[in-house]
C-alpha atoms as a PDB file:
ATOM      1  CA  MET A   1     115.102   0.948 212.726  1.00  0.00           C
ATOM      2  CA  ASP A   2     116.822   1.271 209.368  1.00  0.00           C
ATOM      3  CA  LEU A   3     118.332   3.930 207.124  1.00  0.00           C
ATOM      4  CA  GLN A   4     114.969   4.674 205.519  1.00  0.00           C
ATOM      5  CA  ASP A   5     113.575   5.505 208.966  1.00  0.00           C
ATOM      6  CA  LEU A   6     116.481   7.898 209.523  1.00  0.00           C
ATOM      7  CA  ARG A   7     115.939   9.539 206.119  1.00  0.00           C
ATOM      8  CA  LEU A   8     112.234  10.008 206.770  1.00  0.00           C
ATOM      9  CA  PHE A   9     112.771  11.508 210.224  1.00  0.00           C
ATOM     10  CA  SER A  10     115.389  13.883 208.841  1.00  0.00           C
ATOM     11  CA  ALA A  11     112.950  14.907 206.060  1.00  0.00           C
ATOM     12  CA  VAL A  12     110.239  15.541 208.628  1.00  0.00           C
ATOM     13  CA  MET A  13     112.562  17.857 210.556  1.00  0.00           C
ATOM     14  CA  ARG A  14     113.625  19.710 207.393  1.00  0.00           C
ATOM     15  CA  GLY A  15     110.065  20.280 206.227  1.00  0.00           C
ATOM     16  CA  GLY A  16     108.385  20.682 209.609  1.00  0.00           C
ATOM     17  CA  SER A  17     105.492  18.425 208.638  1.00  0.00           C
ATOM     18  CA  LEU A  18     104.678  14.814 207.795  1.00  0.00           C
ATOM     19  CA  SER A  19     103.044  15.742 204.489  1.00  0.00           C
ATOM     20  CA  ARG A  20     106.117  17.570 203.189  1.00  0.00           C
ATOM     21  CA  ALA A  21     108.342  14.678 204.171  1.00  0.00           C
ATOM     22  CA  ALA A  22     105.975  12.310 202.324  1.00  0.00           C
ATOM     23  CA  ARG A  23     106.204  14.402 199.141  1.00  0.00           C
ATOM     24  CA  GLU A  24     110.009  14.522 199.394  1.00  0.00           C
ATOM     25  CA  ALA A  25     110.213  10.749 199.908  1.00  0.00           C
ATOM     26  CA  HIS A  26     107.598   9.986 197.233  1.00  0.00           C
ATOM     27  CA  CYS A  27     105.397   8.021 199.600  1.00  0.00           C
ATOM     28  CA  SER A  28     102.108   8.527 201.407  1.00  0.00           C
ATOM     29  CA  GLN A  29     101.672  10.549 204.603  1.00  0.00           C
ATOM     30  CA  PRO A  30     100.272   7.514 206.500  1.00  0.00           C
ATOM     31  CA  THR A  31     103.463   5.640 205.603  1.00  0.00           C
ATOM     32  CA  VAL A  32     105.613   8.413 207.080  1.00  0.00           C
ATOM     33  CA  SER A  33     103.423   8.593 210.189  1.00  0.00           C
ATOM     34  CA  ARG A  34     103.586   4.829 210.667  1.00  0.00           C
ATOM     35  CA  ARG A  35     107.416   4.779 210.344  1.00  0.00           C
ATOM     36  CA  ILE A  36     107.831   7.616 212.865  1.00  0.00           C
ATOM     37  CA  GLN A  37     105.480   5.904 215.310  1.00  0.00           C
ATOM     38  CA  GLY A  38     107.530   2.731 214.915  1.00  0.00           C
ATOM     39  CA  LEU A  39     110.674   4.646 215.880  1.00  0.00           C
ATOM     40  CA  GLU A  40     108.976   6.132 218.936  1.00  0.00           C
ATOM     41  CA  SER A  41     107.763   2.687 219.971  1.00  0.00           C
ATOM     42  CA  GLU A  42     111.223   1.173 219.499  1.00  0.00           C
ATOM     43  CA  LEU A  43     112.930   3.954 221.474  1.00  0.00           C
ATOM     44  CA  GLY A  44     110.223   4.134 224.108  1.00  0.00           C
ATOM     45  CA  THR A  45     109.761   7.915 223.955  1.00  0.00           C
ATOM     46  CA  PRO A  46     108.006  10.527 221.782  1.00  0.00           C
ATOM     47  CA  LEU A  47     110.181  12.143 219.148  1.00  0.00           C
ATOM     48  CA  LEU A  48     107.681  14.703 217.837  1.00  0.00           C
ATOM     49  CA  VAL A  49     105.274  17.265 219.232  1.00  0.00           C
ATOM     50  CA  ARG A  50     102.373  17.066 216.769  1.00  0.00           C
ATOM     51  CA  GLY A  51     100.377  20.209 215.966  1.00  0.00           C
ATOM     52  CA  SER A  52      97.415  20.657 213.649  1.00  0.00           C
ATOM     53  CA  ARG A  53      99.623  21.397 210.628  1.00  0.00           C
ATOM     54  CA  THR A  54     103.229  21.130 211.745  1.00  0.00           C
ATOM     55  CA  VAL A  55     105.433  19.029 213.982  1.00  0.00           C
ATOM     56  CA  SER A  56     108.455  19.924 216.123  1.00  0.00           C
ATOM     57  CA  PRO A  57     111.039  17.761 217.861  1.00  0.00           C
ATOM     58  CA  THR A  58     110.937  16.818 221.515  1.00  0.00           C
ATOM     59  CA  PRO A  59     114.274  16.893 223.417  1.00  0.00           C
ATOM     60  CA  ALA A  60     114.603  13.213 222.572  1.00  0.00           C
ATOM     61  CA  GLY A  61     113.754  14.078 218.957  1.00  0.00           C
ATOM     62  CA  LEU A  62     116.636  16.563 218.809  1.00  0.00           C
ATOM     63  CA  GLU A  63     119.010  13.899 220.075  1.00  0.00           C
ATOM     64  CA  PHE A  64     117.672  11.433 217.526  1.00  0.00           C
ATOM     65  CA  LEU A  65     117.992  14.008 214.725  1.00  0.00           C
ATOM     66  CA  HIS A  66     121.677  14.451 215.544  1.00  0.00           C
ATOM     67  CA  PHE A  67     122.131  10.681 215.499  1.00  0.00           C
ATOM     68  CA  ALA A  68     120.257  10.339 212.198  1.00  0.00           C
ATOM     69  CA  GLU A  69     122.242  13.048 210.440  1.00  0.00           C
ATOM     70  CA  THR A  70     125.552  11.618 211.680  1.00  0.00           C
ATOM     71  CA  ALA A  71     124.614   8.101 210.563  1.00  0.00           C
ATOM     72  CA  LEU A  72     123.394   9.269 207.149  1.00  0.00           C
ATOM     73  CA  ALA A  73     126.570  11.274 206.580  1.00  0.00           C
ATOM     74  CA  ALA A  74     128.679   8.239 207.515  1.00  0.00           C
ATOM     75  CA  GLU A  75     126.666   6.065 205.126  1.00  0.00           C
ATOM     76  CA  ALA A  76     127.164   8.575 202.295  1.00  0.00           C
ATOM     77  CA  ASP A  77     130.894   8.705 203.012  1.00  0.00           C
ATOM     78  CA  LEU A  78     131.121   4.901 202.985  1.00  0.00           C
ATOM     79  CA  ARG A  79     129.349   4.729 199.630  1.00  0.00           C
ATOM     80  CA  ALA A  80     131.708   7.337 198.196  1.00  0.00           C
ATOM     81  CA  ARG A  81     134.748   5.390 199.355  1.00  0.00           C
ATOM     82  CA  ILE A  82     133.450   2.128 197.897  1.00  0.00           C
ATOM     83  CA  GLN A  83     132.188   3.582 194.627  1.00  0.00           C
ATOM     84  CA  ARG A  84     135.225   5.841 194.088  1.00  0.00           C
ATOM     85  CA  PRO A  85     138.221   3.745 195.181  1.00  0.00           C
ATOM     86  CA  TRP A  86     140.646   6.146 193.506  1.00  0.00           C
ATOM     87  CA  LEU A  87     139.969   8.718 196.210  1.00  0.00           C
ATOM     88  CA  LEU A  88     142.834   8.897 198.682  1.00  0.00           C
ATOM     89  CA  HIS A  89     142.669   9.901 202.314  1.00  0.00           C
ATOM     90  CA  GLY A  90     144.974  11.161 205.032  1.00  0.00           C
ATOM     91  CA  ASP A  91     148.411  12.737 204.724  1.00  0.00           C
ATOM     92  CA  LEU A  92     151.105  12.267 202.097  1.00  0.00           C
ATOM     93  CA  HIS A  93     154.521  13.325 203.379  1.00  0.00           C
ATOM     94  CA  VAL A  94     157.150  13.932 200.700  1.00  0.00           C
ATOM     95  CA  ALA A  95     160.788  14.734 201.466  1.00  0.00           C
ATOM     96  CA  ALA A  96     162.946  16.413 198.838  1.00  0.00           C
ATOM     97  CA  SER A  97     166.417  17.815 198.528  1.00  0.00           C
ATOM     98  CA  THR A  98     166.687  21.472 197.580  1.00  0.00           C
ATOM     99  CA  THR A  99     166.840  21.216 193.788  1.00  0.00           C
ATOM    100  CA  PRO A 100     163.697  19.117 193.226  1.00  0.00           C
ATOM    101  CA  GLY A 101     161.999  20.471 196.342  1.00  0.00           C
ATOM    102  CA  GLU A 102     162.220  24.060 195.143  1.00  0.00           C
ATOM    103  CA  GLY A 103     161.792  23.065 191.504  1.00  0.00           C
ATOM    104  CA  PHE A 104     159.238  20.629 190.112  1.00  0.00           C
ATOM    105  CA  VAL A 105     157.954  18.774 193.201  1.00  0.00           C
ATOM    106  CA  PRO A 106     155.493  21.468 194.402  1.00  0.00           C
ATOM    107  CA  GLY A 107     153.801  21.432 191.005  1.00  0.00           C
ATOM    108  CA  LEU A 108     153.543  17.651 191.056  1.00  0.00           C
ATOM    109  CA  LEU A 109     151.965  17.716 194.515  1.00  0.00           C
ATOM    110  CA  ALA A 110     149.459  20.357 193.421  1.00  0.00           C
ATOM    111  CA  GLU A 111     148.461  18.235 190.447  1.00  0.00           C
ATOM    112  CA  PHE A 112     148.285  15.090 192.552  1.00  0.00           C
ATOM    113  CA  THR A 113     145.921  16.609 195.127  1.00  0.00           C
ATOM    114  CA  ASP A 114     143.607  18.078 192.496  1.00  0.00           C
ATOM    115  CA  GLY A 115     140.378  16.103 192.777  1.00  0.00           C
ATOM    116  CA  GLN A 116     141.470  14.522 196.067  1.00  0.00           C
ATOM    117  CA  PRO A 117     139.583  16.587 198.677  1.00  0.00           C
ATOM    118  CA  GLU A 118     140.450  14.294 201.571  1.00  0.00           C
ATOM    119  CA  LEU A 119     144.180  14.072 200.860  1.00  0.00           C
ATOM    120  CA  ARG A 120     146.614  16.473 202.512  1.00  0.00           C
ATOM    121  CA  THR A 121     150.227  16.777 201.376  1.00  0.00           C
ATOM    122  CA  GLN A 122     153.287  18.062 203.179  1.00  0.00           C
ATOM    123  CA  LEU A 123     156.623  18.820 201.530  1.00  0.00           C
ATOM    124  CA  HIS A 124     159.760  18.703 203.665  1.00  0.00           C
ATOM    125  CA  ILE A 125     162.982  20.216 202.277  1.00  0.00           C
ATOM    126  CA  MET A 126     166.258  18.732 203.529  1.00  0.00           C
ATOM    127  CA  ASP A 127     169.552  17.406 202.185  1.00  0.00           C
ATOM    128  CA  SER A 128     169.657  14.163 200.192  1.00  0.00           C
ATOM    129  CA  ARG A 129     171.013  12.031 203.034  1.00  0.00           C
ATOM    130  CA  ALA A 130     168.236  13.199 205.353  1.00  0.00           C
ATOM    131  CA  VAL A 131     165.662  12.455 202.650  1.00  0.00           C
ATOM    132  CA  GLU A 132     166.878   8.863 202.495  1.00  0.00           C
ATOM    133  CA  GLU A 133     166.690   8.513 206.272  1.00  0.00           C
ATOM    134  CA  CYS A 134     163.164   9.968 206.465  1.00  0.00           C
ATOM    135  CA  VAL A 135     161.818   7.585 203.833  1.00  0.00           C
ATOM    136  CA  LEU A 136     163.640   4.570 205.258  1.00  0.00           C
ATOM    137  CA  LEU A 137     162.386   5.263 208.789  1.00  0.00           C
ATOM    138  CA  GLY A 138     158.820   5.747 207.584  1.00  0.00           C
ATOM    139  CA  HIS A 139     158.602   9.441 208.460  1.00  0.00           C
ATOM    140  CA  CYS A 140     157.892  10.277 204.810  1.00  0.00           C
ATOM    141  CA  ASP A 141     155.987   8.327 202.153  1.00  0.00           C
ATOM    142  CA  ALA A 142     158.266   9.258 199.232  1.00  0.00           C
ATOM    143  CA  GLY A 143     161.333  11.346 198.529  1.00  0.00           C
ATOM    144  CA  PHE A 144     163.402  13.027 195.839  1.00  0.00           C
ATOM    145  CA  THR A 145     167.189  13.268 195.940  1.00  0.00           C
ATOM    146  CA  GLY A 146     170.008  14.437 193.714  1.00  0.00           C
ATOM    147  CA  HIS A 147     172.156  11.424 194.541  1.00  0.00           C
ATOM    148  CA  LEU A 148     171.553   7.713 194.025  1.00  0.00           C
ATOM    149  CA  PRO A 149     170.852   6.070 197.400  1.00  0.00           C
ATOM    150  CA  ALA A 150     173.193   3.313 198.495  1.00  0.00           C
ATOM    151  CA  PRO A 151     171.949  -0.206 197.652  1.00  0.00           C
ATOM    152  CA  GLY A 152     169.682  -1.435 200.384  1.00  0.00           C
ATOM    153  CA  LEU A 153     166.059  -1.334 201.412  1.00  0.00           C
ATOM    154  CA  LEU A 154     164.987   1.787 199.517  1.00  0.00           C
ATOM    155  CA  ARG A 155     163.427   1.606 196.073  1.00  0.00           C
ATOM    156  CA  SER A 156     164.788   4.252 193.706  1.00  0.00           C
ATOM    157  CA  GLU A 157     164.404   5.289 190.084  1.00  0.00           C
ATOM    158  CA  ALA A 158     165.661   8.201 187.994  1.00  0.00           C
ATOM    159  CA  VAL A 159     162.874  10.670 187.134  1.00  0.00           C
ATOM    160  CA  GLY A 160     164.823  13.636 185.807  1.00  0.00           C
ATOM    161  CA  THR A 161     168.223  15.021 184.894  1.00  0.00           C
ATOM    162  CA  ASP A 162     170.150  17.967 186.223  1.00  0.00           C
ATOM    163  CA  GLU A 163     173.391  19.808 185.497  1.00  0.00           C
ATOM    164  CA  LEU A 164     175.687  21.137 188.187  1.00  0.00           C
ATOM    165  CA  VAL A 165     177.758  24.251 187.520  1.00  0.00           C
ATOM    166  CA  LEU A 166     180.256  26.374 189.405  1.00  0.00           C
ATOM    167  CA  VAL A 167     178.765  29.737 190.339  1.00  0.00           C
ATOM    168  CA  VAL A 168     180.975  32.821 190.797  1.00  0.00           C
ATOM    169  CA  GLY A 169     180.301  36.449 191.668  1.00  0.00           C
ATOM    170  CA  ASP A 170     180.514  39.587 189.531  1.00  0.00           C
ATOM    171  CA  HIS A 171     184.126  40.337 190.512  1.00  0.00           C
ATOM    172  CA  HIS A 172     185.536  36.853 190.040  1.00  0.00           C
ATOM    173  CA  PRO A 173     188.248  36.568 187.334  1.00  0.00           C
ATOM    174  CA  TYR A 174     186.172  33.921 185.548  1.00  0.00           C
ATOM    175  CA  CYS A 175     182.824  35.756 185.729  1.00  0.00           C
ATOM    176  CA  ASP A 176     182.873  36.293 181.961  1.00  0.00           C
ATOM    177  CA  GLN A 177     184.352  32.897 181.054  1.00  0.00           C
ATOM    178  CA  PRO A 178     182.193  29.914 180.071  1.00  0.00           C
ATOM    179  CA  GLU A 179     184.634  27.339 181.484  1.00  0.00           C
ATOM    180  CA  MET A 180     187.297  26.943 184.163  1.00  0.00           C
ATOM    181  CA  PRO A 181     190.267  24.521 183.928  1.00  0.00           C
ATOM    182  CA  LEU A 182     190.589  21.859 186.620  1.00  0.00           C
ATOM    183  CA  ASP A 183     193.886  23.178 187.947  1.00  0.00           C
ATOM    184  CA  VAL A 184     192.394  26.637 188.416  1.00  0.00           C
ATOM    185  CA  LEU A 185     189.299  25.149 190.060  1.00  0.00           C
ATOM    186  CA  CYS A 186     191.368  23.434 192.751  1.00  0.00           C
ATOM    187  CA  ARG A 187     192.902  26.760 193.819  1.00  0.00           C
ATOM    188  CA  GLN A 188     189.566  28.502 194.457  1.00  0.00           C
ATOM    189  CA  ASN A 189     187.972  29.435 197.767  1.00  0.00           C
ATOM    190  CA  PHE A 190     184.715  27.527 198.162  1.00  0.00           C
ATOM    191  CA  VAL A 191     181.296  27.870 199.739  1.00  0.00           C
ATOM    192  CA  GLU A 192     179.977  24.342 200.263  1.00  0.00           C
ATOM    193  CA  ARG A 193     176.757  22.588 201.143  1.00  0.00           C
ATOM    194  CA  GLY A 194     176.819  20.189 204.100  1.00  0.00           C
ATOM    195  CA  GLU A 195     178.205  16.668 203.770  1.00  0.00           C
ATOM    196  CA  GLY A 196     174.694  15.235 203.381  1.00  0.00           C
ATOM    197  CA  SER A 197     174.088  17.286 200.249  1.00  0.00           C
ATOM    198  CA  GLY A 198     173.536  15.344 197.029  1.00  0.00           C
ATOM    199  CA  THR A 199     175.144  18.187 195.077  1.00  0.00           C
ATOM    200  CA  ARG A 200     178.316  18.027 197.138  1.00  0.00           C
ATOM    201  CA  ARG A 201     178.537  14.239 196.971  1.00  0.00           C
ATOM    202  CA  THR A 202     178.012  14.236 193.195  1.00  0.00           C
ATOM    203  CA  VAL A 203     180.760  16.824 192.610  1.00  0.00           C
ATOM    204  CA  GLU A 204     183.230  15.097 194.907  1.00  0.00           C
ATOM    205  CA  GLU A 205     182.651  11.709 193.289  1.00  0.00           C
ATOM    206  CA  ALA A 206     182.909  13.151 189.766  1.00  0.00           C
ATOM    207  CA  LEU A 207     186.202  14.958 190.430  1.00  0.00           C
ATOM    208  CA  ALA A 208     187.857  12.401 192.666  1.00  0.00           C
ATOM    209  CA  GLY A 209     189.558  10.531 189.855  1.00  0.00           C
ATOM    210  CA  ILE A 210     190.461  13.492 187.644  1.00  0.00           C
ATOM    211  CA  ALA A 211     191.390  16.221 190.120  1.00  0.00           C
ATOM    212  CA  PRO A 212     192.899  14.710 193.301  1.00  0.00           C
ATOM    213  CA  ASP A 213     193.786  18.171 194.630  1.00  0.00           C
ATOM    214  CA  PHE A 214     190.082  19.052 194.784  1.00  0.00           C
ATOM    215  CA  ALA A 215     189.802  16.931 197.920  1.00  0.00           C
ATOM    216  CA  HIS A 216     192.112  19.436 199.648  1.00  0.00           C
ATOM    217  CA  ARG A 217     190.306  22.572 198.456  1.00  0.00           C
ATOM    218  CA  ARG A 218     189.893  25.535 200.776  1.00  0.00           C
ATOM    219  CA  ILE A 219     186.340  25.602 202.161  1.00  0.00           C
ATOM    220  CA  MET A 220     185.590  29.064 203.495  1.00  0.00           C
ATOM    221  CA  LEU A 221     181.990  28.476 204.544  1.00  0.00           C
ATOM    222  CA  THR A 222     179.541  25.582 204.828  1.00  0.00           C
ATOM    223  CA  VAL A 223     175.826  26.358 204.389  1.00  0.00           C
ATOM    224  CA  SER A 224     172.619  24.354 204.638  1.00  0.00           C
ATOM    225  CA  SER A 225     170.781  25.443 201.483  1.00  0.00           C
ATOM    226  CA  ALA A 226     171.376  26.376 197.858  1.00  0.00           C
ATOM    227  CA  GLN A 227     169.943  29.846 198.434  1.00  0.00           C
ATOM    228  CA  ALA A 228     172.393  30.468 201.280  1.00  0.00           C
ATOM    229  CA  LEU A 229     175.220  29.319 199.015  1.00  0.00           C
ATOM    230  CA  LEU A 230     174.164  31.722 196.261  1.00  0.00           C
ATOM    231  CA  ALA A 231     173.950  34.607 198.731  1.00  0.00           C
ATOM    232  CA  SER A 232     177.417  33.795 200.072  1.00  0.00           C
ATOM    233  CA  VAL A 233     178.914  33.662 196.581  1.00  0.00           C
ATOM    234  CA  ARG A 234     177.227  36.926 195.690  1.00  0.00           C
ATOM    235  CA  SER A 235     178.787  38.560 198.737  1.00  0.00           C
ATOM    236  CA  GLY A 236     182.272  37.422 197.697  1.00  0.00           C
ATOM    237  CA  VAL A 237     182.971  34.631 200.196  1.00  0.00           C
ATOM    238  CA  GLY A 238     183.976  32.218 197.439  1.00  0.00           C
ATOM    239  CA  CYS A 239     182.534  30.136 194.620  1.00  0.00           C
ATOM    240  CA  GLY A 240     180.395  27.022 194.841  1.00  0.00           C
ATOM    241  CA  PHE A 241     178.561  24.305 192.965  1.00  0.00           C
ATOM    242  CA  VAL A 242     174.806  24.424 192.494  1.00  0.00           C
ATOM    243  CA  SER A 243     172.179  23.045 190.173  1.00  0.00           C
ATOM    244  CA  LEU A 244     171.877  25.107 187.023  1.00  0.00           C
ATOM    245  CA  ALA A 245     168.147  25.151 187.742  1.00  0.00           C
ATOM    246  CA  SER A 246     168.858  27.308 190.823  1.00  0.00           C
ATOM    247  CA  LEU A 247     170.078  30.155 188.642  1.00  0.00           C
ATOM    248  CA  ARG A 248     166.779  31.555 187.480  1.00  0.00           C
ATOM    249  CA  GLY A 249     165.248  34.997 187.710  1.00  0.00           C
ATOM    250  CA  ALA A 250     166.262  37.125 190.676  1.00  0.00           C
ATOM    251  CA  ALA A 251     168.340  34.277 192.139  1.00  0.00           C
ATOM    252  CA  ALA A 252     170.844  34.693 189.296  1.00  0.00           C
ATOM    253  CA  GLU A 253     171.459  38.415 189.755  1.00  0.00           C
ATOM    254  CA  GLY A 254     175.141  39.166 190.360  1.00  0.00           C
ATOM    255  CA  LEU A 255     176.097  35.547 189.678  1.00  0.00           C
ATOM    256  CA  HIS A 256     177.614  33.679 186.757  1.00  0.00           C
ATOM    257  CA  ALA A 257     177.608  29.970 185.927  1.00  0.00           C
ATOM    258  CA  VAL A 258     180.894  28.409 184.801  1.00  0.00           C
ATOM    259  CA  ARG A 259     181.343  24.860 183.545  1.00  0.00           C
ATOM    260  CA  ILE A 260     184.471  22.793 184.240  1.00  0.00           C
ATOM    261  CA  SER A 261     186.575  22.453 181.099  1.00  0.00           C
ATOM    262  CA  GLY A 262     186.019  19.069 179.459  1.00  0.00           C
ATOM    263  CA  HIS A 263     184.016  17.710 182.396  1.00  0.00           C
ATOM    264  CA  PRO A 264     180.295  18.515 182.350  1.00  0.00           C
ATOM    265  CA  LEU A 265     178.676  17.572 185.643  1.00  0.00           C
ATOM    266  CA  GLN A 266     175.433  15.783 184.872  1.00  0.00           C
ATOM    267  CA  ARG A 267     173.370  13.870 187.395  1.00  0.00           C
ATOM    268  CA  SER A 268     169.986  12.206 187.749  1.00  0.00           C
ATOM    269  CA  ILE A 269     167.210  13.168 190.131  1.00  0.00           C
ATOM    270  CA  TYR A 270     165.805  10.120 191.901  1.00  0.00           C
ATOM    271  CA  LEU A 271     162.404   9.251 193.271  1.00  0.00           C
ATOM    272  CA  ILE A 272     162.778   7.008 196.311  1.00  0.00           C
ATOM    273  CA  LEU A 273     160.152   4.889 198.032  1.00  0.00           C
ATOM    274  CA  PRO A 274     160.166   2.674 201.113  1.00  0.00           C
ATOM    275  CA  PRO A 275     160.260  -1.131 200.728  1.00  0.00           C
ATOM    276  CA  GLN A 276     156.467  -1.364 201.067  1.00  0.00           C
ATOM    277  CA  PRO A 277     154.964   1.936 199.846  1.00  0.00           C
ATOM    278  CA  ALA A 278     151.490   2.986 200.882  1.00  0.00           C
ATOM    279  CA  ALA A 279     148.801   3.155 198.187  1.00  0.00           C
ATOM    280  CA  LYS A 280     148.971   6.956 198.108  1.00  0.00           C
ATOM    281  CA  ALA A 281     152.750   6.843 197.594  1.00  0.00           C
ATOM    282  CA  LEU A 282     152.353   4.397 194.712  1.00  0.00           C
ATOM    283  CA  ALA A 283     149.705   6.619 193.127  1.00  0.00           C
ATOM    284  CA  PHE A 284     151.977   9.651 193.454  1.00  0.00           C
ATOM    285  CA  ALA A 285     154.892   7.723 191.961  1.00  0.00           C
ATOM    286  CA  ALA A 286     152.716   6.798 188.977  1.00  0.00           C
ATOM    287  CA  LEU A 287     152.030  10.490 188.337  1.00  0.00           C
ATOM    288  CA  VAL A 288     155.735  11.303 188.577  1.00  0.00           C
ATOM    289  CA  ARG A 289     156.569   8.660 185.977  1.00  0.00           C
ATOM    290  CA  VAL A 290     154.103   9.893 183.388  1.00  0.00           C
ATOM    291  CA  ARG A 291     155.083  13.546 183.617  1.00  0.00           C
ATOM    292  CA  ALA A 292     157.770  13.947 180.989  1.00  0.00           C
ATOM    293  CA  SER A 293     158.080  17.586 182.017  1.00  0.00           C
ATOM    294  CA  VAL A 294     159.869  16.431 185.169  1.00  0.00           C
ATOM    295  CA  ARG A 295     162.800  15.457 182.978  1.00  0.00           C
ATOM    296  CA  GLU A 296     162.906  18.945 181.459  1.00  0.00           C
ATOM    297  CA  ASP A 297     162.222  21.136 184.437  1.00  0.00           C
ATOM    298  CA  LEU A 298     165.729  21.065 185.858  1.00  0.00           C
ATOM    299  CA  GLY A 299     168.795  21.969 183.839  1.00  0.00           C
ATOM    300  CA  ALA A 300     167.231  21.773 180.402  1.00  0.00           C
ATOM    301  CA  ARG A 301     165.294  25.000 180.723  1.00  0.00           C
ATOM    302  CA  ALA A 302     168.051  27.049 182.313  1.00  0.00           C
ATOM    303  CA  SER A 303     170.924  28.691 180.469  1.00  0.00           C
ATOM    304  CA  VAL A 304     174.494  29.428 181.424  1.00  0.00           C
ATOM    305  CA  ARG A 305     175.101  33.151 181.713  1.00  0.00           C
END
């Protein structure tokens, strides 16, 4: 029994006759008949009920047809994998902090899966510290954060830039001002992201040496997402820092971005990988590197209102 036997039997079942199978296989009818008889002899049971013009499967023939089709499909899949090694399989889990996760990462994943029918992707949005933990523990294949991971086992590289701004509501005294002095900033009521947020860590590190009083600011509310922060600012709870990229379209209604006088808050967006990335993670990272648009998609395309 070989693959040609399986192909011939499958052709016989599709056409309902030995002659049709012979035409499909470009061989003679006696050759088809001899191969089928060889299968029946090897298996020790009839596979076909032979009529004057057509044939039909016996119960054993139906079982063998299922086996043949399964084996032929597996053989075709094996050939595809060997002949097209660029095809990826399984699941790609990507973790991302809010700014990249709600910004450019979905588009990158859509592009990456195009032409990869057997690859499934999942995007998990969380704060930067949780992204690092997920990648380090192997729960995710790659990650994006707004804060450089601490030196250690993770591989990281900058793949984009971002600007952080203070966002205030319509009735804030600085709603129509482009900048706010540091001393005024330290007296504000704040809505903050959680301590694992890359945005929060970046702002605190940037202001630590130039505005010591900022460490003692009044935090009115702590939220888990940028969208919750924007909603809280809009409702008048306080002001807060977000990526300028978050202030687009409807999200910016009733809100105003204010820079800190003399101290623009720029940061990088990082791609992080585990110490030994899987092939699919390396392929995804290669796409990220060659997409120059990643470096524009964040703050560069937004404007301060």
